[in-house]
C-alpha atoms as a PDB file:
ATOM      1  CA  MET A   1      -8.310  54.879 -32.910  1.00  0.00           C
ATOM      2  CA  PRO A   2      -8.717  51.127 -33.082  1.00  0.00           C
ATOM      3  CA  GLN A   3      -5.412  49.292 -32.730  1.00  0.00           C
ATOM      4  CA  LYS A   4      -4.099  47.053 -35.462  1.00  0.00           C
ATOM      5  CA  ALA A   5      -3.954  43.395 -34.518  1.00  0.00           C
ATOM      6  CA  ALA A   6      -0.423  42.107 -33.992  1.00  0.00           C
ATOM      7  CA  PRO A   7       0.717  39.623 -36.642  1.00  0.00           C
ATOM      8  CA  ALA A   8       0.457  36.005 -35.516  1.00  0.00           C
ATOM      9  CA  SER A   9       3.787  34.525 -34.457  1.00  0.00           C
ATOM     10  CA  ARG A  10       5.106  31.688 -36.539  1.00  0.00           C
ATOM     11  CA  SER A  11       6.839  28.548 -35.383  1.00  0.00           C
ATOM     12  CA  PRO A  12      10.519  28.041 -36.296  1.00  0.00           C
ATOM     13  CA  ALA A  13       9.430  25.369 -38.776  1.00  0.00           C
ATOM     14  CA  ALA A  14       7.025  27.767 -40.466  1.00  0.00           C
ATOM     15  CA  LYS A  15       9.702  30.490 -40.641  1.00  0.00           C
ATOM     16  CA  ALA A  16      12.002  28.054 -42.376  1.00  0.00           C
ATOM     17  CA  GLY A  17       9.304  27.223 -44.866  1.00  0.00           C
ATOM     18  CA  LYS A  18       8.729  23.751 -43.435  1.00  0.00           C
ATOM     19  CA  PRO A  19       5.269  22.371 -42.647  1.00  0.00           C
ATOM     20  CA  ALA A  20       4.580  22.205 -38.896  1.00  0.00           C
ATOM     21  CA  LYS A  21       4.288  18.718 -37.424  1.00  0.00           C
ATOM     22  CA  SER A  22       0.882  17.836 -36.060  1.00  0.00           C
ATOM     23  CA  ALA A  23       0.624  16.292 -32.589  1.00  0.00           C
ATOM     24  CA  LYS A  24       0.140  12.526 -32.475  1.00  0.00           C
ATOM     25  CA  PRO A  25      -3.452  11.610 -31.704  1.00  0.00           C
ATOM     26  CA  LEU A  26      -3.954   9.863 -28.375  1.00  0.00           C
ATOM     27  CA  SER A  27      -4.765   6.184 -28.577  1.00  0.00           C
ATOM     28  CA  PRO A  28      -8.501   5.663 -28.003  1.00  0.00           C
ATOM     29  CA  GLN A  29      -7.644   2.487 -26.099  1.00  0.00           C
ATOM     30  CA  GLY A  30      -5.614   4.224 -23.376  1.00  0.00           C
ATOM     31  CA  PRO A  31      -2.333   2.862 -21.967  1.00  0.00           C
ATOM     32  CA  LYS A  32      -0.953  -0.262 -23.574  1.00  0.00           C
ATOM     33  CA  LYS A  33      -1.654  -3.421 -21.595  1.00  0.00           C
ATOM     34  CA  PRO A  34       1.288  -5.546 -20.463  1.00  0.00           C
ATOM     35  CA  SER A  35       1.779  -8.685 -22.584  1.00  0.00           C
ATOM     36  CA  GLU A  36       3.517 -10.519 -19.744  1.00  0.00           C
ATOM     37  CA  VAL A  37       4.122 -10.370 -16.011  1.00  0.00           C
ATOM     38  CA  ARG A  38       7.148 -11.560 -14.074  1.00  0.00           C
ATOM     39  CA  ILE A  39       7.419 -13.413 -10.802  1.00  0.00           C
ATOM     40  CA  ILE A  40       9.206 -11.173  -8.311  1.00  0.00           C
ATOM     41  CA  GLY A  41      10.864 -13.612  -5.911  1.00  0.00           C
ATOM     42  CA  GLY A  42      11.318 -17.175  -4.753  1.00  0.00           C
ATOM     43  CA  GLU A  43      11.995 -20.343  -6.760  1.00  0.00           C
ATOM     44  CA  TRP A  44      10.739 -18.919 -10.064  1.00  0.00           C
ATOM     45  CA  LYS A  45      12.120 -15.400  -9.646  1.00  0.00           C
ATOM     46  CA  ARG A  46      12.233 -13.416 -12.920  1.00  0.00           C
ATOM     47  CA  THR A  47      10.133 -16.026 -14.768  1.00  0.00           C
ATOM     48  CA  ARG A  48       7.835 -14.273 -17.235  1.00  0.00           C
ATOM     49  CA  LEU A  49       4.264 -15.344 -17.819  1.00  0.00           C
ATOM     50  CA  SER A  50       2.074 -14.407 -20.785  1.00  0.00           C
ATOM     51  CA  VAL A  51      -0.922 -12.119 -20.287  1.00  0.00           C
ATOM     52  CA  ALA A  52      -3.963 -12.655 -22.495  1.00  0.00           C
ATOM     53  CA  ASP A  53      -5.484  -9.637 -24.231  1.00  0.00           C
ATOM     54  CA  LYS A  54      -8.830  -9.740 -22.427  1.00  0.00           C
ATOM     55  CA  PRO A  55     -11.179  -6.837 -21.608  1.00  0.00           C
ATOM     56  CA  GLY A  56     -11.027  -6.054 -17.894  1.00  0.00           C
ATOM     57  CA  LEU A  57      -7.921  -8.198 -17.297  1.00  0.00           C
ATOM     58  CA  ARG A  58      -5.661  -6.055 -15.118  1.00  0.00           C
ATOM     59  CA  PRO A  59      -2.539  -7.757 -13.745  1.00  0.00           C
ATOM     60  CA  THR A  60      -1.406  -6.385 -10.385  1.00  0.00           C
ATOM     61  CA  PRO A  61       1.578  -4.096 -11.172  1.00  0.00           C
ATOM     62  CA  ASP A  62       5.067  -5.365 -10.332  1.00  0.00           C
ATOM     63  CA  ARG A  63       5.666  -2.598  -7.816  1.00  0.00           C
ATOM     64  CA  VAL A  64       2.459  -3.413  -5.939  1.00  0.00           C
ATOM     65  CA  ARG A  65       3.165  -7.158  -5.900  1.00  0.00           C
ATOM     66  CA  GLU A  66       6.706  -6.610  -4.661  1.00  0.00           C
ATOM     67  CA  THR A  67       5.454  -4.441  -1.799  1.00  0.00           C
ATOM     68  CA  LEU A  68       2.608  -6.831  -0.978  1.00  0.00           C
ATOM     69  CA  PHE A  69       4.870  -9.855  -0.707  1.00  0.00           C
ATOM     70  CA  ASN A  70       7.354  -7.916   1.422  1.00  0.00           C
ATOM     71  CA  TRP A  71       4.445  -7.236   3.800  1.00  0.00           C
ATOM     72  CA  LEU A  72       3.386 -10.891   3.790  1.00  0.00           C
ATOM     73  CA  ALA A  73       6.940 -12.171   4.268  1.00  0.00           C
ATOM     74  CA  SER A  74       7.356  -9.927   7.300  1.00  0.00           C
ATOM     75  CA  LEU A  75       4.219 -11.517   8.777  1.00  0.00           C
ATOM     76  CA  ALA A  76       5.507 -15.012   7.944  1.00  0.00           C
ATOM     77  CA  GLY A  77       8.722 -14.204   9.809  1.00  0.00           C
ATOM     78  CA  ALA A  78      10.727 -16.801   7.886  1.00  0.00           C
ATOM     79  CA  GLY A  79      13.270 -14.522   6.192  1.00  0.00           C
ATOM     80  CA  GLY A  80      14.241 -14.416   2.541  1.00  0.00           C
ATOM     81  CA  GLY A  81      10.751 -13.341   1.488  1.00  0.00           C
ATOM     82  CA  GLU A  82       9.430 -16.872   2.008  1.00  0.00           C
ATOM     83  CA  LEU A  83       5.899 -18.004   2.909  1.00  0.00           C
ATOM     84  CA  PRO A  84       6.702 -21.570   3.979  1.00  0.00           C
ATOM     85  CA  GLY A  85       3.766 -23.907   4.386  1.00  0.00           C
ATOM     86  CA  TRP A  86       1.146 -21.246   3.679  1.00  0.00           C
ATOM     87  CA  HIS A  87      -2.309 -22.123   2.332  1.00  0.00           C
ATOM     88  CA  CYS A  88      -3.653 -19.501  -0.074  1.00  0.00           C
ATOM     89  CA  VAL A  89      -6.537 -18.826  -2.442  1.00  0.00           C
ATOM     90  CA  ASP A  90      -6.300 -16.459  -5.414  1.00  0.00           C
ATOM     91  CA  ALA A  91     -10.055 -16.061  -5.831  1.00  0.00           C
ATOM     92  CA  PHE A  92     -10.145 -14.020  -9.061  1.00  0.00           C
ATOM     93  CA  ALA A  93      -6.900 -15.333 -10.478  1.00  0.00           C
ATOM     94  CA  GLY A  94      -6.802 -13.783 -13.965  1.00  0.00           C
ATOM     95  CA  THR A  95      -3.111 -14.129 -14.901  1.00  0.00           C
ATOM     96  CA  GLY A  96      -2.422 -16.006 -11.659  1.00  0.00           C
ATOM     97  CA  ALA A  97       0.397 -13.588 -10.794  1.00  0.00           C
ATOM     98  CA  LEU A  98      -0.569 -13.333  -7.116  1.00  0.00           C
ATOM     99  CA  GLY A  99      -1.128 -17.027  -6.446  1.00  0.00           C
ATOM    100  CA  LEU A 100       1.923 -18.131  -8.453  1.00  0.00           C
ATOM    101  CA  GLU A 101       4.070 -15.603  -6.589  1.00  0.00           C
ATOM    102  CA  ALA A 102       2.922 -17.173  -3.309  1.00  0.00           C
ATOM    103  CA  ALA A 103       3.770 -20.664  -4.620  1.00  0.00           C
ATOM    104  CA  SER A 104       7.170 -19.456  -5.799  1.00  0.00           C
ATOM    105  CA  ARG A 105       7.852 -18.309  -2.236  1.00  0.00           C
ATOM    106  CA  GLY A 106       7.128 -21.670  -0.663  1.00  0.00           C
ATOM    107  CA  ALA A 107       3.356 -21.778  -0.077  1.00  0.00           C
ATOM    108  CA  ALA A 108       2.259 -25.390   0.421  1.00  0.00           C
ATOM    109  CA  GLN A 109      -1.156 -25.088  -1.254  1.00  0.00           C
ATOM    110  CA  VAL A 110      -2.427 -22.429  -3.654  1.00  0.00           C
ATOM    111  CA  LEU A 111      -5.825 -22.495  -5.357  1.00  0.00           C
ATOM    112  CA  LEU A 112      -6.173 -20.362  -8.487  1.00  0.00           C
ATOM    113  CA  CYS A 113      -9.868 -19.818  -9.220  1.00  0.00           C
ATOM    114  CA  GLU A 114     -10.979 -18.221 -12.492  1.00  0.00           C
ATOM    115  CA  GLN A 115     -14.237 -18.208 -14.496  1.00  0.00           C
ATOM    116  CA  ASP A 116     -12.937 -17.429 -17.986  1.00  0.00           C
ATOM    117  CA  ALA A 117     -12.160 -20.649 -19.887  1.00  0.00           C
ATOM    118  CA  ALA A 118      -9.301 -19.120 -21.921  1.00  0.00           C
ATOM    119  CA  LEU A 119      -7.656 -17.760 -18.782  1.00  0.00           C
ATOM    120  CA  VAL A 120      -8.068 -21.129 -17.042  1.00  0.00           C
ATOM    121  CA  ALA A 121      -6.213 -22.750 -19.955  1.00  0.00           C
ATOM    122  CA  GLN A 122      -3.459 -20.145 -19.616  1.00  0.00           C
ATOM    123  CA  LEU A 123      -3.213 -20.831 -15.873  1.00  0.00           C
ATOM    124  CA  GLN A 124      -2.933 -24.560 -16.541  1.00  0.00           C
ATOM    125  CA  ALA A 125      -0.135 -23.859 -19.019  1.00  0.00           C
ATOM    126  CA  ALA A 126       1.701 -21.698 -16.455  1.00  0.00           C
ATOM    127  CA  LYS A 127       1.334 -24.418 -13.815  1.00  0.00           C
ATOM    128  CA  ALA A 128       2.814 -26.993 -16.230  1.00  0.00           C
ATOM    129  CA  LYS A 129       5.648 -24.657 -17.275  1.00  0.00           C
ATOM    130  CA  LEU A 130       6.642 -24.060 -13.649  1.00  0.00           C
ATOM    131  CA  LYS A 131       6.011 -27.669 -12.545  1.00  0.00           C
ATOM    132  CA  ALA A 132       4.034 -26.055  -9.723  1.00  0.00           C
ATOM    133  CA  GLU A 133       2.917 -29.063  -7.701  1.00  0.00           C
ATOM    134  CA  ALA A 134       1.493 -26.905  -4.909  1.00  0.00           C
ATOM    135  CA  VAL A 135      -0.871 -25.101  -7.312  1.00  0.00           C
ATOM    136  CA  ARG A 136      -4.385 -26.207  -8.191  1.00  0.00           C
ATOM    137  CA  VAL A 137      -6.339 -24.470 -10.968  1.00  0.00           C
ATOM    138  CA  GLU A 138     -10.127 -24.451 -10.824  1.00  0.00           C
ATOM    139  CA  ARG A 139     -12.684 -22.943 -13.164  1.00  0.00           C
ATOM    140  CA  GLY A 140     -15.483 -21.341 -11.182  1.00  0.00           C
ATOM    141  CA  ASN A 141     -16.745 -18.505  -9.026  1.00  0.00           C
ATOM    142  CA  GLY A 142     -14.168 -17.158  -6.584  1.00  0.00           C
ATOM    143  CA  VAL A 143     -16.698 -16.416  -3.846  1.00  0.00           C
ATOM    144  CA  THR A 144     -18.128 -19.947  -4.072  1.00  0.00           C
ATOM    145  CA  ALA A 145     -14.617 -21.395  -3.915  1.00  0.00           C
ATOM    146  CA  LEU A 146     -13.911 -19.460  -0.715  1.00  0.00           C
ATOM    147  CA  GLU A 147     -17.204 -20.575   0.783  1.00  0.00           C
ATOM    148  CA  ARG A 148     -16.205 -24.218   0.208  1.00  0.00           C
ATOM    149  CA  VAL A 149     -12.860 -23.824   1.981  1.00  0.00           C
ATOM    150  CA  ALA A 150     -12.745 -25.061   5.584  1.00  0.00           C
ATOM    151  CA  ALA A 151     -13.267 -22.216   8.045  1.00  0.00           C
ATOM    152  CA  GLY A 152     -10.066 -20.901   9.583  1.00  0.00           C
ATOM    153  CA  SER A 153      -7.797 -22.765   7.146  1.00  0.00           C
ATOM    154  CA  LEU A 154      -6.138 -20.062   5.006  1.00  0.00           C
ATOM    155  CA  ASP A 155      -3.047 -17.950   5.629  1.00  0.00           C
ATOM    156  CA  ALA A 156      -3.759 -15.564   2.746  1.00  0.00           C
ATOM    157  CA  VAL A 157      -6.669 -14.740   0.453  1.00  0.00           C
ATOM    158  CA  PHE A 158      -6.080 -12.639  -2.663  1.00  0.00           C
ATOM    159  CA  LEU A 159      -9.117 -10.638  -3.812  1.00  0.00           C
ATOM    160  CA  ASP A 160      -8.601  -8.831  -7.103  1.00  0.00           C
ATOM    161  CA  PRO A 161     -11.983  -8.874  -8.889  1.00  0.00           C
ATOM    162  CA  PRO A 162     -12.642  -6.782 -12.015  1.00  0.00           C
ATOM    163  CA  PHE A 163     -12.998  -3.154 -10.913  1.00  0.00           C
ATOM    164  CA  GLU A 164     -16.393  -2.873 -12.599  1.00  0.00           C
ATOM    165  CA  SER A 165     -17.757  -5.894 -10.668  1.00  0.00           C
ATOM    166  CA  THR A 166     -18.483  -3.932  -7.504  1.00  0.00           C
ATOM    167  CA  ALA A 167     -21.144  -6.408  -6.354  1.00  0.00           C
ATOM    168  CA  LEU A 168     -18.428  -9.028  -5.787  1.00  0.00           C
ATOM    169  CA  TYR A 169     -16.512  -7.155  -3.109  1.00  0.00           C
ATOM    170  CA  GLU A 170     -18.797  -7.605  -0.110  1.00  0.00           C
ATOM    171  CA  PRO A 171     -19.541 -11.348  -0.516  1.00  0.00           C
ATOM    172  CA  ALA A 172     -15.864 -11.975  -1.296  1.00  0.00           C
ATOM    173  CA  LEU A 173     -14.732 -10.156   1.865  1.00  0.00           C
ATOM    174  CA  ARG A 174     -17.291 -12.033   3.947  1.00  0.00           C
ATOM    175  CA  ALA A 175     -16.211 -15.424   2.565  1.00  0.00           C
ATOM    176  CA  ALA A 176     -12.516 -14.555   2.922  1.00  0.00           C
ATOM    177  CA  THR A 177     -12.871 -13.606   6.590  1.00  0.00           C
ATOM    178  CA  ARG A 178     -14.578 -16.914   7.379  1.00  0.00           C
ATOM    179  CA  ALA A 179     -11.792 -18.844   5.643  1.00  0.00           C
ATOM    180  CA  LEU A 180      -8.892 -17.030   7.382  1.00  0.00           C
ATOM    181  CA  ARG A 181      -6.950 -18.636  10.187  1.00  0.00           C
ATOM    182  CA  ALA A 182      -5.951 -16.537  13.203  1.00  0.00           C
ATOM    183  CA  GLY A 183      -3.191 -14.207  12.049  1.00  0.00           C
ATOM    184  CA  GLY A 184      -4.094 -14.636   8.375  1.00  0.00           C
ATOM    185  CA  SER A 185      -4.356 -11.822   5.815  1.00  0.00           C
ATOM    186  CA  VAL A 186      -6.620 -10.677   3.002  1.00  0.00           C
ATOM    187  CA  TYR A 187      -5.192  -8.745   0.066  1.00  0.00           C
ATOM    188  CA  LEU A 188      -7.846  -6.493  -1.462  1.00  0.00           C
ATOM    189  CA  GLU A 189      -7.259  -4.647  -4.740  1.00  0.00           C
ATOM    190  CA  ALA A 190      -9.923  -2.080  -5.563  1.00  0.00           C
ATOM    191  CA  PRO A 191     -10.586   1.116  -7.552  1.00  0.00           C
ATOM    192  CA  ARG A 192     -10.910   3.091  -4.282  1.00  0.00           C
ATOM    193  CA  ARG A 193      -9.750   2.947  -0.692  1.00  0.00           C
ATOM    194  CA  TRP A 194     -11.886   1.008   1.791  1.00  0.00           C
ATOM    195  CA  SER A 195     -12.141   2.591   5.244  1.00  0.00           C
ATOM    196  CA  ASP A 196     -11.992   0.683   8.529  1.00  0.00           C
ATOM    197  CA  GLU A 197     -15.636   1.661   9.077  1.00  0.00           C
ATOM    198  CA  GLU A 198     -16.600  -0.152   5.857  1.00  0.00           C
ATOM    199  CA  LEU A 199     -14.437  -3.165   6.725  1.00  0.00           C
ATOM    200  CA  ALA A 200     -15.674  -3.516  10.317  1.00  0.00           C
ATOM    201  CA  PRO A 201     -18.888  -5.435   9.423  1.00  0.00           C
ATOM    202  CA  PHE A 202     -16.669  -8.149   7.921  1.00  0.00           C
ATOM    203  CA  GLY A 203     -14.490  -8.345  11.030  1.00  0.00           C
ATOM    204  CA  LEU A 204     -11.531  -6.874   9.124  1.00  0.00           C
ATOM    205  CA  ALA A 205      -9.296  -3.836   9.577  1.00  0.00           C
ATOM    206  CA  GLY A 206      -6.607  -2.195   7.471  1.00  0.00           C
ATOM    207  CA  PHE A 207      -3.030  -3.274   8.180  1.00  0.00           C
ATOM    208  CA  ARG A 208      -1.098  -1.824   5.227  1.00  0.00           C
ATOM    209  CA  TYR A 209      -2.157   0.323   2.268  1.00  0.00           C
ATOM    210  CA  LEU A 210      -0.605   1.457  -1.027  1.00  0.00           C
ATOM    211  CA  LYS A 211      -1.933   3.476  -3.961  1.00  0.00           C
ATOM    212  CA  ALA A 212      -0.294   3.057  -7.358  1.00  0.00           C
ATOM    213  CA  GLY A 213      -2.088   4.799 -10.217  1.00  0.00           C
ATOM    214  CA  ALA A 214      -5.683   3.567 -10.279  1.00  0.00           C
ATOM    215  CA  VAL A 215      -4.892   0.644  -7.964  1.00  0.00           C
ATOM    216  CA  HIS A 216      -5.738   0.824  -4.252  1.00  0.00           C
ATOM    217  CA  ALA A 217      -3.921  -2.069  -2.569  1.00  0.00           C
ATOM    218  CA  HIS A 218      -5.010  -3.088   0.939  1.00  0.00           C
ATOM    219  CA  LEU A 219      -3.566  -5.687   3.249  1.00  0.00           C
ATOM    220  CA  LEU A 220      -6.268  -6.548   5.770  1.00  0.00           C
ATOM    221  CA  ARG A 221      -6.290  -8.626   8.947  1.00  0.00           C
ATOM    222  CA  ARG A 222      -8.979  -9.770  11.312  1.00  0.00           C
ATOM    223  CA  ALA A 223      -9.782  -6.954  13.696  1.00  0.00           C
ATOM    224  CA  ALA A 224      -9.367  -9.422  16.569  1.00  0.00           C
ATOM    225  CA  ASP A 225      -5.744 -10.068  15.512  1.00  0.00           C
ATOM    226  CA  GLY A 226      -4.806  -6.387  15.846  1.00  0.00           C
ATOM    227  CA  THR A 227      -3.497  -4.133  13.086  1.00  0.00           C
ATOM    228  CA  ALA A 228      -0.249  -2.832  14.528  1.00  0.00           C
END
């Protein structure tokens, strides 16, 4: 004989005669973007900076920046997380969080390069708020800015282009390597991990690496400087 279907179970709310709550629909926009970022260390430690609501603008997460600047400070060897006298370029500055962090930690010269006019205005406002004399803000192409820098003059180059702008990575790495002094470092933030085989044509090799969510954070050095 065919078996009778078992009665469908009811939720406790239904048994009590209450309407069941429907699940909240997921936001079509995904995770909420941060409205501000904070400087992790140095002179302006804990200072918060506004983040514009711009498509593709993706501030480097606090955890990643804290780890990155611990790595850089260990290379500087000055103690206290400082980068005294360093010359740096934040080539795709966006919020300026990377370059301003370097300035907060004692870098002597920091160039923040950004193409978006509204973001440039925000960077200028942050520079004025912090009275950041070591910081220069420039509107323009980050690769071109690196190509104009004197060869072998930079201690650190920060490369954090929009993840969808994949064509920028190779020319930016090439220009950054030329601009690095001996012992200098390139920070590369990308949507995937870059292997040493891919980095070799640029004369670079991985030194440190961290993955946090969708962010692949690389600290790179010239292959000739060693990676240990």
